Amino acid sequence: MLISLSGESLIFKYKDWSFLYDTVNPKTIYQSVDLTGVEKKFIRSFFDTKIRSQLPEWLAALSKEQVKVFGITPANIKKTKVGPIDIIGYYDEKDRSGHFYVFEELATRHFAIYGTKNNF
């Protein structure tokens, strides 16, 4: 196993799968776009077309493009709530990767698992 900590990212690399954790930074999600103040709504729009329709047209288009790139479909979305915290994610069988976001009041956390669905 290999463990790497860099800035706000933590990576665990195992023989046949890996796990990544980072805190979403609205200024660095995309190099040329600062999403400060709309980052939670933007990420949630990956999983909810109603939220996407409330975004400015250019941001809705970016969200729609990301959904396609990530392989998010209504069938592979998982949602749960733990108290005031929402957890929303997906697993893409084709790419053998899954991502989920933990939406807290003060921060949004991102977790990525690269490996089998069991690892997810």
PDB file of N, CA and C in Angstrom:
ATOM      1  N   MET A   1       0.837  -1.170   0.000  1.00  0.00           N
ATOM      2  CA  MET A   1       0.000   0.000   0.000  1.00  0.00           C
ATOM      3  C   MET A   1       0.890   1.245   0.000  1.00  0.00           C
ATOM      4  N   LEU A   2       0.437   2.254  -0.724  1.00  0.00           N
ATOM      5  CA  LEU A   2       1.123   3.539  -0.792  1.00  0.00           C
ATOM      6  C   LEU A   2       0.153   4.607  -0.284  1.00  0.00           C
ATOM      7  N   ILE A   3       0.624   5.497   0.563  1.00  0.00           N
ATOM      8  CA  ILE A   3      -0.187   6.597   1.077  1.00  0.00           C
ATOM      9  C   ILE A   3       0.503   7.903   0.699  1.00  0.00           C
ATOM     10  N   SER A   4      -0.298   8.837   0.173  1.00  0.00           N
ATOM     11  CA  SER A   4       0.248  10.128  -0.222  1.00  0.00           C
ATOM     12  C   SER A   4      -0.667  11.234   0.276  1.00  0.00           C
ATOM     13  N   LEU A   5      -0.087  12.238   0.886  1.00  0.00           N
ATOM     14  CA  LEU A   5      -0.827  13.404   1.355  1.00  0.00           C
ATOM     15  C   LEU A   5      -0.209  14.625   0.693  1.00  0.00           C
ATOM     16  N   SER A   6      -1.058  15.388   0.003  1.00  0.00           N
ATOM     17  CA  SER A   6      -0.562  16.559  -0.693  1.00  0.00           C
ATOM     18  C   SER A   6      -1.615  17.652  -0.607  1.00  0.00           C
ATOM     19  N   GLY A   7      -1.305  18.722   0.092  1.00  0.00           N
ATOM     20  CA  GLY A   7      -2.279  19.808   0.235  1.00  0.00           C
ATOM     21  C   GLY A   7      -3.541  19.312   0.903  1.00  0.00           C
ATOM     22  N   GLU A   8      -4.655  19.375   0.182  1.00  0.00           N
ATOM     23  CA  GLU A   8      -5.943  18.935   0.704  1.00  0.00           C
ATOM     24  C   GLU A   8      -6.330  17.553   0.195  1.00  0.00           C
ATOM     25  N   SER A   9      -5.421  16.826  -0.424  1.00  0.00           N
ATOM     26  CA  SER A   9      -5.723  15.506  -0.983  1.00  0.00           C
ATOM     27  C   SER A   9      -5.003  14.403  -0.231  1.00  0.00           C
ATOM     28  N   LEU A  10      -5.695  13.303  -0.068  1.00  0.00           N
ATOM     29  CA  LEU A  10      -5.141  12.111   0.559  1.00  0.00           C
ATOM     30  C   LEU A  10      -5.414  10.945  -0.375  1.00  0.00           C
ATOM     31  N   ILE A  11      -4.384  10.182  -0.688  1.00  0.00           N
ATOM     32  CA  ILE A  11      -4.523   9.049  -1.607  1.00  0.00           C
ATOM     33  C   ILE A  11      -4.024   7.784  -0.931  1.00  0.00           C
ATOM     34  N   PHE A  12      -4.835   6.736  -1.005  1.00  0.00           N
ATOM     35  CA  PHE A  12      -4.436   5.393  -0.593  1.00  0.00           C
ATOM     36  C   PHE A  12      -4.391   4.553  -1.850  1.00  0.00           C
ATOM     37  N   LYS A  13      -3.240   3.999  -2.176  1.00  0.00           N
ATOM     38  CA  LYS A  13      -3.084   3.172  -3.377  1.00  0.00           C
ATOM     39  C   LYS A  13      -2.775   1.757  -2.945  1.00  0.00           C
ATOM     40  N   TYR A  14      -3.695   0.866  -3.272  1.00  0.00           N
ATOM     41  CA  TYR A  14      -3.524  -0.550  -2.971  1.00  0.00           C
ATOM     42  C   TYR A  14      -3.112  -1.276  -4.254  1.00  0.00           C
ATOM     43  N   LYS A  15      -2.874  -2.553  -4.161  1.00  0.00           N
ATOM     44  CA  LYS A  15      -2.418  -3.336  -5.308  1.00  0.00           C
ATOM     45  C   LYS A  15      -3.365  -3.214  -6.505  1.00  0.00           C
ATOM     46  N   ASP A  16      -4.670  -3.343  -6.276  1.00  0.00           N
ATOM     47  CA  ASP A  16      -5.608  -3.361  -7.394  1.00  0.00           C
ATOM     48  C   ASP A  16      -6.724  -2.321  -7.309  1.00  0.00           C
ATOM     49  N   TRP A  17      -6.587  -1.366  -6.400  1.00  0.00           N
ATOM     50  CA  TRP A  17      -7.565  -0.283  -6.337  1.00  0.00           C
ATOM     51  C   TRP A  17      -6.985   0.896  -5.576  1.00  0.00           C
ATOM     52  N   SER A  18      -7.626   2.044  -5.691  1.00  0.00           N
ATOM     53  CA  SER A  18      -7.146   3.225  -4.970  1.00  0.00           C
ATOM     54  C   SER A  18      -8.325   4.062  -4.479  1.00  0.00           C
ATOM     55  N   PHE A  19      -8.019   4.884  -3.492  1.00  0.00           N
ATOM     56  CA  PHE A  19      -9.004   5.704  -2.811  1.00  0.00           C
ATOM     57  C   PHE A  19      -8.422   7.105  -2.691  1.00  0.00           C
ATOM     58  N   LEU A  20      -9.202   8.103  -3.067  1.00  0.00           N
ATOM     59  CA  LEU A  20      -8.759   9.485  -3.014  1.00  0.00           C
ATOM     60  C   LEU A  20      -9.767  10.309  -2.219  1.00  0.00           C
ATOM     61  N   TYR A  21      -9.274  11.190  -1.381  1.00  0.00           N
ATOM     62  CA  TYR A  21     -10.125  12.114  -0.638  1.00  0.00           C
ATOM     63  C   TYR A  21      -9.582  13.521  -0.831  1.00  0.00           C
ATOM     64  N   ASP A  22     -10.488  14.469  -1.045  1.00  0.00           N
ATOM     65  CA  ASP A  22     -10.089  15.873  -1.039  1.00  0.00           C
ATOM     66  C   ASP A  22     -11.280  16.749  -0.678  1.00  0.00           C
ATOM     67  N   THR A  23     -10.985  17.935  -0.210  1.00  0.00           N
ATOM     68  CA  THR A  23     -12.011  18.928   0.056  1.00  0.00           C
ATOM     69  C   THR A  23     -12.179  19.739  -1.216  1.00  0.00           C
ATOM     70  N   VAL A  24     -13.426  19.917  -1.652  1.00  0.00           N
ATOM     71  CA  VAL A  24     -13.689  20.656  -2.878  1.00  0.00           C
ATOM     72  C   VAL A  24     -13.306  22.120  -2.678  1.00  0.00           C
ATOM     73  N   ASN A  25     -12.464  22.601  -3.571  1.00  0.00           N
ATOM     74  CA  ASN A  25     -12.053  24.003  -3.563  1.00  0.00           C
ATOM     75  C   ASN A  25     -12.712  24.671  -4.774  1.00  0.00           C
ATOM     76  N   PRO A  26     -13.669  25.577  -4.553  1.00  0.00           N
ATOM     77  CA  PRO A  26     -14.402  26.171  -5.672  1.00  0.00           C
ATOM     78  C   PRO A  26     -13.528  26.970  -6.635  1.00  0.00           C
ATOM     79  N   LYS A  27     -12.361  27.380  -6.180  1.00  0.00           N
ATOM     80  CA  LYS A  27     -11.469  28.161  -7.045  1.00  0.00           C
ATOM     81  C   LYS A  27     -10.615  27.284  -7.946  1.00  0.00           C
ATOM     82  N   THR A  28     -10.532  25.981  -7.627  1.00  0.00           N
ATOM     83  CA  THR A  28      -9.649  25.115  -8.412  1.00  0.00           C
ATOM     84  C   THR A  28     -10.356  23.925  -9.063  1.00  0.00           C
ATOM     85  N   ILE A  29     -11.686  23.840  -8.952  1.00  0.00           N
ATOM     86  CA  ILE A  29     -12.403  22.749  -9.634  1.00  0.00           C
ATOM     87  C   ILE A  29     -12.086  22.810 -11.126  1.00  0.00           C
ATOM     88  N   TYR A  30     -12.154  24.026 -11.672  1.00  0.00           N
ATOM     89  CA  TYR A  30     -11.785  24.275 -13.065  1.00  0.00           C
ATOM     90  C   TYR A  30     -10.808  25.440 -13.060  1.00  0.00           C
ATOM     91  N   GLN A  31      -9.740  25.318 -13.799  1.00  0.00           N
ATOM     92  CA  GLN A  31      -8.682  26.321 -13.772  1.00  0.00           C
ATOM     93  C   GLN A  31      -9.159  27.733 -14.110  1.00  0.00           C
ATOM     94  N   SER A  32     -10.038  27.873 -15.069  1.00  0.00           N
ATOM     95  CA  SER A  32     -10.405  29.219 -15.531  1.00  0.00           C
ATOM     96  C   SER A  32     -11.740  29.716 -14.971  1.00  0.00           C
ATOM     97  N   VAL A  33     -12.347  28.960 -14.028  1.00  0.00           N
ATOM     98  CA  VAL A  33     -13.651  29.342 -13.488  1.00  0.00           C
ATOM     99  C   VAL A  33     -13.604  29.292 -11.968  1.00  0.00           C
ATOM    100  N   ASP A  34     -14.024  30.373 -11.337  1.00  0.00           N
ATOM    101  CA  ASP A  34     -14.136  30.406  -9.880  1.00  0.00           C
ATOM    102  C   ASP A  34     -15.601  30.151  -9.523  1.00  0.00           C
ATOM    103  N   LEU A  35     -15.877  29.028  -8.897  1.00  0.00           N
ATOM    104  CA  LEU A  35     -17.249  28.644  -8.558  1.00  0.00           C
ATOM    105  C   LEU A  35     -17.625  28.983  -7.111  1.00  0.00           C
ATOM    106  N   THR A  36     -16.879  29.875  -6.487  1.00  0.00           N
ATOM    107  CA  THR A  36     -17.156  30.250  -5.104  1.00  0.00           C
ATOM    108  C   THR A  36     -18.610  30.701  -4.955  1.00  0.00           C
ATOM    109  N   GLY A  37     -19.292  30.081  -4.022  1.00  0.00           N
ATOM    110  CA  GLY A  37     -20.684  30.415  -3.750  1.00  0.00           C
ATOM    111  C   GLY A  37     -21.691  29.577  -4.503  1.00  0.00           C
ATOM    112  N   VAL A  38     -21.268  28.931  -5.585  1.00  0.00           N
ATOM    113  CA  VAL A  38     -22.190  28.076  -6.350  1.00  0.00           C
ATOM    114  C   VAL A  38     -21.671  26.652  -6.489  1.00  0.00           C
ATOM    115  N   GLU A  39     -20.535  26.348  -5.842  1.00  0.00           N
ATOM    116  CA  GLU A  39     -19.928  25.030  -6.030  1.00  0.00           C
ATOM    117  C   GLU A  39     -20.842  23.890  -5.584  1.00  0.00           C
ATOM    118  N   LYS A  40     -21.553  24.050  -4.470  1.00  0.00           N
ATOM    119  CA  LYS A  40     -22.442  22.973  -3.997  1.00  0.00           C
ATOM    120  C   LYS A  40     -23.589  22.762  -4.968  1.00  0.00           C
ATOM    121  N   LYS A  41     -24.196  23.838  -5.393  1.00  0.00           N
ATOM    122  CA  LYS A  41     -25.304  23.737  -6.347  1.00  0.00           C
ATOM    123  C   LYS A  41     -24.815  23.127  -7.665  1.00  0.00           C
ATOM    124  N   PHE A  42     -23.629  23.542  -8.100  1.00  0.00           N
ATOM    125  CA  PHE A  42     -23.067  23.016  -9.339  1.00  0.00           C
ATOM    126  C   PHE A  42     -22.842  21.503  -9.239  1.00  0.00           C
ATOM    127  N   ILE A  43     -22.203  21.052  -8.176  1.00  0.00           N
ATOM    128  CA  ILE A  43     -21.941  19.615  -8.025  1.00  0.00           C
ATOM    129  C   ILE A  43     -23.260  18.845  -7.889  1.00  0.00           C
ATOM    130  N   ARG A  44     -24.197  19.370  -7.119  1.00  0.00           N
ATOM    131  CA  ARG A  44     -25.504  18.720  -6.981  1.00  0.00           C
ATOM    132  C   ARG A  44     -26.216  18.605  -8.334  1.00  0.00           C
ATOM    133  N   SER A  45     -25.945  19.555  -9.228  1.00  0.00           N
ATOM    134  CA  SER A  45     -26.599  19.539 -10.544  1.00  0.00           C
ATOM    135  C   SER A  45     -26.170  18.336 -11.392  1.00  0.00           C
ATOM    136  N   PHE A  46     -25.068  17.698 -11.039  1.00  0.00           N
ATOM    137  CA  PHE A  46     -24.662  16.481 -11.747  1.00  0.00           C
ATOM    138  C   PHE A  46     -25.706  15.381 -11.535  1.00  0.00           C
ATOM    139  N   PHE A  47     -26.374  15.428 -10.402  1.00  0.00           N
ATOM    140  CA  PHE A  47     -27.267  14.360  -9.983  1.00  0.00           C
ATOM    141  C   PHE A  47     -28.742  14.732 -10.052  1.00  0.00           C
ATOM    142  N   ASP A  48     -29.051  15.980 -10.392  1.00  0.00           N
ATOM    143  CA  ASP A  48     -30.434  16.456 -10.369  1.00  0.00           C
ATOM    144  C   ASP A  48     -30.639  17.476 -11.484  1.00  0.00           C
ATOM    145  N   THR A  49     -31.401  17.093 -12.506  1.00  0.00           N
ATOM    146  CA  THR A  49     -31.610  17.985 -13.651  1.00  0.00           C
ATOM    147  C   THR A  49     -32.418  19.224 -13.263  1.00  0.00           C
ATOM    148  N   LYS A  50     -33.243  19.126 -12.225  1.00  0.00           N
ATOM    149  CA  LYS A  50     -33.998  20.295 -11.771  1.00  0.00           C
ATOM    150  C   LYS A  50     -33.043  21.365 -11.250  1.00  0.00           C
ATOM    151  N   ILE A  51     -32.044  20.952 -10.484  1.00  0.00           N
ATOM    152  CA  ILE A  51     -31.036  21.896  -9.998  1.00  0.00           C
ATOM    153  C   ILE A  51     -30.251  22.460 -11.174  1.00  0.00           C
ATOM    154  N   ARG A  52     -29.916  21.593 -12.135  1.00  0.00           N
ATOM    155  CA  ARG A  52     -29.156  22.046 -13.313  1.00  0.00           C
ATOM    156  C   ARG A  52     -29.917  23.132 -14.062  1.00  0.00           C
ATOM    157  N   SER A  53     -31.241  22.990 -14.158  1.00  0.00           N
ATOM    158  CA  SER A  53     -32.043  23.968 -14.903  1.00  0.00           C
ATOM    159  C   SER A  53     -32.085  25.342 -14.212  1.00  0.00           C
ATOM    160  N   GLN A  54     -31.697  25.393 -12.941  1.00  0.00           N
ATOM    161  CA  GLN A  54     -31.678  26.655 -12.200  1.00  0.00           C
ATOM    162  C   GLN A  54     -30.348  27.400 -12.344  1.00  0.00           C
ATOM    163  N   LEU A  55     -29.362  26.755 -12.934  1.00  0.00           N
ATOM    164  CA  LEU A  55     -28.046  27.370 -13.111  1.00  0.00           C
ATOM    165  C   LEU A  55     -28.054  28.292 -14.325  1.00  0.00           C
ATOM    166  N   PRO A  56     -27.147  29.275 -14.370  1.00  0.00           N
ATOM    167  CA  PRO A  56     -26.984  30.054 -15.602  1.00  0.00           C
ATOM    168  C   PRO A  56     -26.693  29.100 -16.764  1.00  0.00           C
ATOM    169  N   GLU A  57     -27.090  29.476 -17.938  1.00  0.00           N
ATOM    170  CA  GLU A  57     -26.999  28.599 -19.109  1.00  0.00           C
ATOM    171  C   GLU A  57     -25.598  28.019 -19.319  1.00  0.00           C
ATOM    172  N   TRP A  58     -24.570  28.842 -19.191  1.00  0.00           N
ATOM    173  CA  TRP A  58     -23.203  28.376 -19.430  1.00  0.00           C
ATOM    174  C   TRP A  58     -22.775  27.345 -18.381  1.00  0.00           C
ATOM    175  N   LEU A  59     -23.236  27.538 -17.130  1.00  0.00           N
ATOM    176  CA  LEU A  59     -22.868  26.614 -16.064  1.00  0.00           C
ATOM    177  C   LEU A  59     -23.671  25.313 -16.177  1.00  0.00           C
ATOM    178  N   ALA A  60     -24.929  25.426 -16.605  1.00  0.00           N
ATOM    179  CA  ALA A  60     -25.746  24.238 -16.851  1.00  0.00           C
ATOM    180  C   ALA A  60     -25.126  23.385 -17.967  1.00  0.00           C
ATOM    181  N   ALA A  61     -24.615  24.050 -18.996  1.00  0.00           N
ATOM    182  CA  ALA A  61     -23.966  23.328 -20.097  1.00  0.00           C
ATOM    183  C   ALA A  61     -22.707  22.608 -19.606  1.00  0.00           C
ATOM    184  N   LEU A  62     -21.934  23.263 -18.738  1.00  0.00           N
ATOM    185  CA  LEU A  62     -20.740  22.634 -18.166  1.00  0.00           C
ATOM    186  C   LEU A  62     -21.141  21.434 -17.309  1.00  0.00           C
ATOM    187  N   SER A  63     -22.189  21.570 -16.523  1.00  0.00           N
ATOM    188  CA  SER A  63     -22.675  20.464 -15.699  1.00  0.00           C
ATOM    189  C   SER A  63     -23.099  19.284 -16.571  1.00  0.00           C
ATOM    190  N   LYS A  64     -23.845  19.569 -17.605  1.00  0.00           N
ATOM    191  CA  LYS A  64     -24.325  18.511 -18.510  1.00  0.00           C
ATOM    192  C   LYS A  64     -23.147  17.784 -19.161  1.00  0.00           C
ATOM    193  N   GLU A  65     -22.139  18.529 -19.552  1.00  0.00           N
ATOM    194  CA  GLU A  65     -20.939  17.939 -20.149  1.00  0.00           C
ATOM    195  C   GLU A  65     -20.225  17.030 -19.134  1.00  0.00           C
ATOM    196  N   GLN A  66     -20.124  17.487 -17.888  1.00  0.00           N
ATOM    197  CA  GLN A  66     -19.457  16.687 -16.853  1.00  0.00           C
ATOM    198  C   GLN A  66     -20.209  15.391 -16.581  1.00  0.00           C
ATOM    199  N   VAL A  67     -21.531  15.453 -16.567  1.00  0.00           N
ATOM    200  CA  VAL A  67     -22.352  14.255 -16.361  1.00  0.00           C
ATOM    201  C   VAL A  67     -22.037  13.219 -17.437  1.00  0.00           C
ATOM    202  N   LYS A  68     -21.916  13.679 -18.661  1.00  0.00           N
ATOM    203  CA  LYS A  68     -21.608  12.780 -19.778  1.00  0.00           C
ATOM    204  C   LYS A  68     -20.199  12.192 -19.622  1.00  0.00           C
ATOM    205  N   VAL A  69     -19.230  13.028 -19.324  1.00  0.00           N
ATOM    206  CA  VAL A  69     -17.839  12.589 -19.156  1.00  0.00           C
ATOM    207  C   VAL A  69     -17.719  11.603 -17.993  1.00  0.00           C
ATOM    208  N   PHE A  70     -18.401  11.893 -16.881  1.00  0.00           N
ATOM    209  CA  PHE A  70     -18.318  11.048 -15.692  1.00  0.00           C
ATOM    210  C   PHE A  70     -19.110   9.747 -15.828  1.00  0.00           C
ATOM    211  N   GLY A  71     -20.028   9.667 -16.792  1.00  0.00           N
ATOM    212  CA  GLY A  71     -20.841   8.457 -16.944  1.00  0.00           C
ATOM    213  C   GLY A  71     -21.953   8.361 -15.910  1.00  0.00           C
ATOM    214  N   ILE A  72     -22.440   9.505 -15.457  1.00  0.00           N
ATOM    215  CA  ILE A  72     -23.520   9.506 -14.464  1.00  0.00           C
ATOM    216  C   ILE A  72     -24.852   9.282 -15.172  1.00  0.00           C
ATOM    217  N   THR A  73     -25.610   8.322 -14.663  1.00  0.00           N
ATOM    218  CA  THR A  73     -26.956   8.045 -15.176  1.00  0.00           C
ATOM    219  C   THR A  73     -27.901   7.943 -13.979  1.00  0.00           C
ATOM    220  N   PRO A  74     -29.200   8.115 -14.204  1.00  0.00           N
ATOM    221  CA  PRO A  74     -30.133   7.958 -13.086  1.00  0.00           C
ATOM    222  C   PRO A  74     -30.001   6.592 -12.395  1.00  0.00           C
ATOM    223  N   ALA A  75     -29.619   5.577 -13.141  1.00  0.00           N
ATOM    224  CA  ALA A  75     -29.516   4.224 -12.580  1.00  0.00           C
ATOM    225  C   ALA A  75     -28.302   4.026 -11.677  1.00  0.00           C
ATOM    226  N   ASN A  76     -27.248   4.821 -11.846  1.00  0.00           N
ATOM    227  CA  ASN A  76     -26.050   4.587 -11.032  1.00  0.00           C
ATOM    228  C   ASN A  76     -25.847   5.620  -9.927  1.00  0.00           C
ATOM    229  N   ILE A  77     -26.846   6.466  -9.693  1.00  0.00           N
ATOM    230  CA  ILE A  77     -26.765   7.471  -8.631  1.00  0.00           C
ATOM    231  C   ILE A  77     -27.229   6.866  -7.310  1.00  0.00           C
ATOM    232  N   LYS A  78     -26.484   7.144  -6.266  1.00  0.00           N
ATOM    233  CA  LYS A  78     -26.826   6.728  -4.903  1.00  0.00           C
ATOM    234  C   LYS A  78     -26.900   7.973  -4.035  1.00  0.00           C
ATOM    235  N   LYS A  79     -27.962   8.073  -3.228  1.00  0.00           N
ATOM    236  CA  LYS A  79     -28.127   9.221  -2.332  1.00  0.00           C
ATOM    237  C   LYS A  79     -28.477   8.722  -0.941  1.00  0.00           C
ATOM    238  N   THR A  80     -27.937   9.403   0.067  1.00  0.00           N
ATOM    239  CA  THR A  80     -28.297   9.111   1.449  1.00  0.00           C
ATOM    240  C   THR A  80     -28.143  10.384   2.269  1.00  0.00           C
ATOM    241  N   LYS A  81     -28.766  10.375   3.412  1.00  0.00           N
ATOM    242  CA  LYS A  81     -28.701  11.530   4.300  1.00  0.00           C
ATOM    243  C   LYS A  81     -28.367  11.019   5.698  1.00  0.00           C
ATOM    244  N   VAL A  82     -27.404  11.655   6.341  1.00  0.00           N
ATOM    245  CA  VAL A  82     -27.017  11.330   7.714  1.00  0.00           C
ATOM    246  C   VAL A  82     -27.152  12.625   8.510  1.00  0.00           C
ATOM    247  N   GLY A  83     -28.244  12.760   9.236  1.00  0.00           N
ATOM    248  CA  GLY A  83     -28.518  14.018   9.924  1.00  0.00           C
ATOM    249  C   GLY A  83     -28.606  15.137   8.912  1.00  0.00           C
ATOM    250  N   PRO A  84     -27.870  16.223   9.119  1.00  0.00           N
ATOM    251  CA  PRO A  84     -27.920  17.347   8.180  1.00  0.00           C
ATOM    252  C   PRO A  84     -26.997  17.172   6.957  1.00  0.00           C
ATOM    253  N   ILE A  85     -26.312  16.054   6.883  1.00  0.00           N
ATOM    254  CA  ILE A  85     -25.321  15.833   5.822  1.00  0.00           C
ATOM    255  C   ILE A  85     -25.911  14.996   4.687  1.00  0.00           C
ATOM    256  N   ASP A  86     -25.775  15.491   3.460  1.00  0.00           N
ATOM    257  CA  ASP A  86     -26.185  14.744   2.269  1.00  0.00           C
ATOM    258  C   ASP A  86     -24.961  14.076   1.662  1.00  0.00           C
ATOM    259  N   ILE A  87     -25.136  12.825   1.253  1.00  0.00           N
ATOM    260  CA  ILE A  87     -24.080  12.085   0.563  1.00  0.00           C
ATOM    261  C   ILE A  87     -24.669  11.640  -0.769  1.00  0.00           C
ATOM    262  N   ILE A  88     -24.042  12.071  -1.858  1.00  0.00           N
ATOM    263  CA  ILE A  88     -24.536  11.766  -3.197  1.00  0.00           C
ATOM    264  C   ILE A  88     -23.362  11.299  -4.043  1.00  0.00           C
ATOM    265  N   GLY A  89     -23.564  10.209  -4.780  1.00  0.00           N
ATOM    266  CA  GLY A  89     -22.481   9.710  -5.617  1.00  0.00           C
ATOM    267  C   GLY A  89     -22.962   8.782  -6.708  1.00  0.00           C
ATOM    268  N   TYR A  90     -22.001   8.203  -7.389  1.00  0.00           N
ATOM    269  CA  TYR A  90     -22.291   7.269  -8.480  1.00  0.00           C
ATOM    270  C   TYR A  90     -21.113   6.318  -8.648  1.00  0.00           C
ATOM    271  N   TYR A  91     -21.403   5.171  -9.265  1.00  0.00           N
ATOM    272  CA  TYR A  91     -20.344   4.241  -9.641  1.00  0.00           C
ATOM    273  C   TYR A  91     -20.524   3.922 -11.115  1.00  0.00           C
ATOM    274  N   ASP A  92     -19.461   4.073 -11.899  1.00  0.00           N
ATOM    275  CA  ASP A  92     -19.487   3.796 -13.335  1.00  0.00           C
ATOM    276  C   ASP A  92     -18.794   2.465 -13.599  1.00  0.00           C
ATOM    277  N   GLU A  93     -19.593   1.455 -13.930  1.00  0.00           N
ATOM    278  CA  GLU A  93     -19.064   0.099 -14.176  1.00  0.00           C
ATOM    279  C   GLU A  93     -18.024   0.094 -15.298  1.00  0.00           C
ATOM    280  N   LYS A  94     -18.291   0.873 -16.354  1.00  0.00           N
ATOM    281  CA  LYS A  94     -17.395   0.888 -17.512  1.00  0.00           C
ATOM    282  C   LYS A  94     -15.987   1.354 -17.136  1.00  0.00           C
ATOM    283  N   ASP A  95     -15.920   2.436 -16.372  1.00  0.00           N
ATOM    284  CA  ASP A  95     -14.617   2.981 -15.983  1.00  0.00           C
ATOM    285  C   ASP A  95     -14.085   2.410 -14.675  1.00  0.00           C
ATOM    286  N   ARG A  96     -14.895   1.558 -14.028  1.00  0.00           N
ATOM    287  CA  ARG A  96     -14.529   0.965 -12.740  1.00  0.00           C
ATOM    288  C   ARG A  96     -14.099   2.052 -11.745  1.00  0.00           C
ATOM    289  N   SER A  97     -14.945   3.088 -11.680  1.00  0.00           N
ATOM    290  CA  SER A  97     -14.658   4.168 -10.741  1.00  0.00           C
ATOM    291  C   SER A  97     -15.955   4.715 -10.163  1.00  0.00           C
ATOM    292  N   GLY A  98     -15.857   5.178  -8.947  1.00  0.00           N
ATOM    293  CA  GLY A  98     -17.008   5.770  -8.295  1.00  0.00           C
ATOM    294  C   GLY A  98     -16.593   7.027  -7.562  1.00  0.00           C
ATOM    295  N   HIS A  99     -17.506   7.938  -7.481  1.00  0.00           N
ATOM    296  CA  HIS A  99     -17.251   9.203  -6.796  1.00  0.00           C
ATOM    297  C   HIS A  99     -18.450   9.514  -5.926  1.00  0.00           C
ATOM    298  N   PHE A 100     -18.186  10.046  -4.746  1.00  0.00           N
ATOM    299  CA  PHE A 100     -19.290  10.565  -3.956  1.00  0.00           C
ATOM    300  C   PHE A 100     -18.855  11.834  -3.252  1.00  0.00           C
ATOM    301  N   TYR A 101     -19.860  12.646  -2.993  1.00  0.00           N
ATOM    302  CA  TYR A 101     -19.654  13.945  -2.380  1.00  0.00           C
ATOM    303  C   TYR A 101     -20.423  13.999  -1.071  1.00  0.00           C
ATOM    304  N   VAL A 102     -19.777  14.537  -0.060  1.00  0.00           N
ATOM    305  CA  VAL A 102     -20.391  14.720   1.240  1.00  0.00           C
ATOM    306  C   VAL A 102     -20.605  16.224   1.405  1.00  0.00           C
ATOM    307  N   PHE A 103     -21.866  16.615   1.443  1.00  0.00           N
ATOM    308  CA  PHE A 103     -22.223  18.031   1.531  1.00  0.00           C
ATOM    309  C   PHE A 103     -22.484  18.389   2.987  1.00  0.00           C
ATOM    310  N   GLU A 104     -21.541  19.115   3.560  1.00  0.00           N
ATOM    311  CA  GLU A 104     -21.675  19.617   4.918  1.00  0.00           C
ATOM    312  C   GLU A 104     -21.952  21.116   4.831  1.00  0.00           C
ATOM    313  N   GLU A 105     -22.299  21.711   5.943  1.00  0.00           N
ATOM    314  CA  GLU A 105     -22.619  23.137   5.933  1.00  0.00           C
ATOM    315  C   GLU A 105     -21.440  23.982   5.462  1.00  0.00           C
ATOM    316  N   LEU A 106     -20.258  23.701   5.978  1.00  0.00           N
ATOM    317  CA  LEU A 106     -19.102  24.541   5.684  1.00  0.00           C
ATOM    318  C   LEU A 106     -18.191  24.032   4.571  1.00  0.00           C
ATOM    319  N   ALA A 107     -18.369  22.789   4.162  1.00  0.00           N
ATOM    320  CA  ALA A 107     -17.458  22.238   3.147  1.00  0.00           C
ATOM    321  C   ALA A 107     -18.136  21.122   2.372  1.00  0.00           C
ATOM    322  N   THR A 108     -17.596  20.867   1.198  1.00  0.00           N
ATOM    323  CA  THR A 108     -18.008  19.717   0.402  1.00  0.00           C
ATOM    324  C   THR A 108     -16.787  18.829   0.257  1.00  0.00           C
ATOM    325  N   ARG A 109     -16.948  17.573   0.618  1.00  0.00           N
ATOM    326  CA  ARG A 109     -15.863  16.595   0.552  1.00  0.00           C
ATOM    327  C   ARG A 109     -16.071  15.706  -0.673  1.00  0.00           C
ATOM    328  N   HIS A 110     -14.979  15.338  -1.304  1.00  0.00           N
ATOM    329  CA  HIS A 110     -15.035  14.479  -2.487  1.00  0.00           C
ATOM    330  C   HIS A 110     -14.229  13.216  -2.219  1.00  0.00           C
ATOM    331  N   PHE A 111     -14.834  12.083  -2.511  1.00  0.00           N
ATOM    332  CA  PHE A 111     -14.174  10.791  -2.380  1.00  0.00           C
ATOM    333  C   PHE A 111     -14.237  10.092  -3.734  1.00  0.00           C
ATOM    334  N   ALA A 112     -13.139   9.502  -4.162  1.00  0.00           N
ATOM    335  CA  ALA A 112     -13.098   8.758  -5.413  1.00  0.00           C
ATOM    336  C   ALA A 112     -12.508   7.387  -5.151  1.00  0.00           C
ATOM    337  N   ILE A 113     -13.134   6.383  -5.731  1.00  0.00           N
ATOM    338  CA  ILE A 113     -12.655   5.010  -5.601  1.00  0.00           C
ATOM    339  C   ILE A 113     -12.437   4.486  -7.014  1.00  0.00           C
ATOM    340  N   TYR A 114     -11.242   4.005  -7.267  1.00  0.00           N
ATOM    341  CA  TYR A 114     -10.902   3.435  -8.565  1.00  0.00           C
ATOM    342  C   TYR A 114     -10.658   1.941  -8.337  1.00  0.00           C
ATOM    343  N   GLY A 115     -11.593   1.133  -8.817  1.00  0.00           N
ATOM    344  CA  GLY A 115     -11.527  -0.299  -8.606  1.00  0.00           C
ATOM    345  C   GLY A 115     -12.907  -0.897  -8.804  1.00  0.00           C
ATOM    346  N   THR A 116     -13.144  -2.052  -8.237  1.00  0.00           N
ATOM    347  CA  THR A 116     -14.411  -2.732  -8.423  1.00  0.00           C
ATOM    348  C   THR A 116     -15.532  -2.054  -7.646  1.00  0.00           C
ATOM    349  N   LYS A 117     -16.756  -2.438  -7.962  1.00  0.00           N
ATOM    350  CA  LYS A 117     -17.902  -1.902  -7.238  1.00  0.00           C
ATOM    351  C   LYS A 117     -17.860  -2.279  -5.767  1.00  0.00           C
ATOM    352  N   ASN A 118     -17.292  -3.433  -5.455  1.00  0.00           N
ATOM    353  CA  ASN A 118     -17.125  -3.840  -4.058  1.00  0.00           C
ATOM    354  C   ASN A 118     -16.247  -2.844  -3.308  1.00  0.00           C
ATOM    355  N   ASN A 119     -15.222  -2.335  -3.949  1.00  0.00           N
ATOM    356  CA  ASN A 119     -14.376  -1.323  -3.310  1.00  0.00           C
ATOM    357  C   ASN A 119     -15.163  -0.054  -3.044  1.00  0.00           C
ATOM    358  N   PHE A 120     -16.098   0.243  -3.922  1.00  0.00           N
ATOM    359  CA  PHE A 120     -16.925   1.436  -3.768  1.00  0.00           C
ATOM    360  C   PHE A 120     -17.860   1.260  -2.584  1.00  0.00           C
TER     361      PHE A 120
END
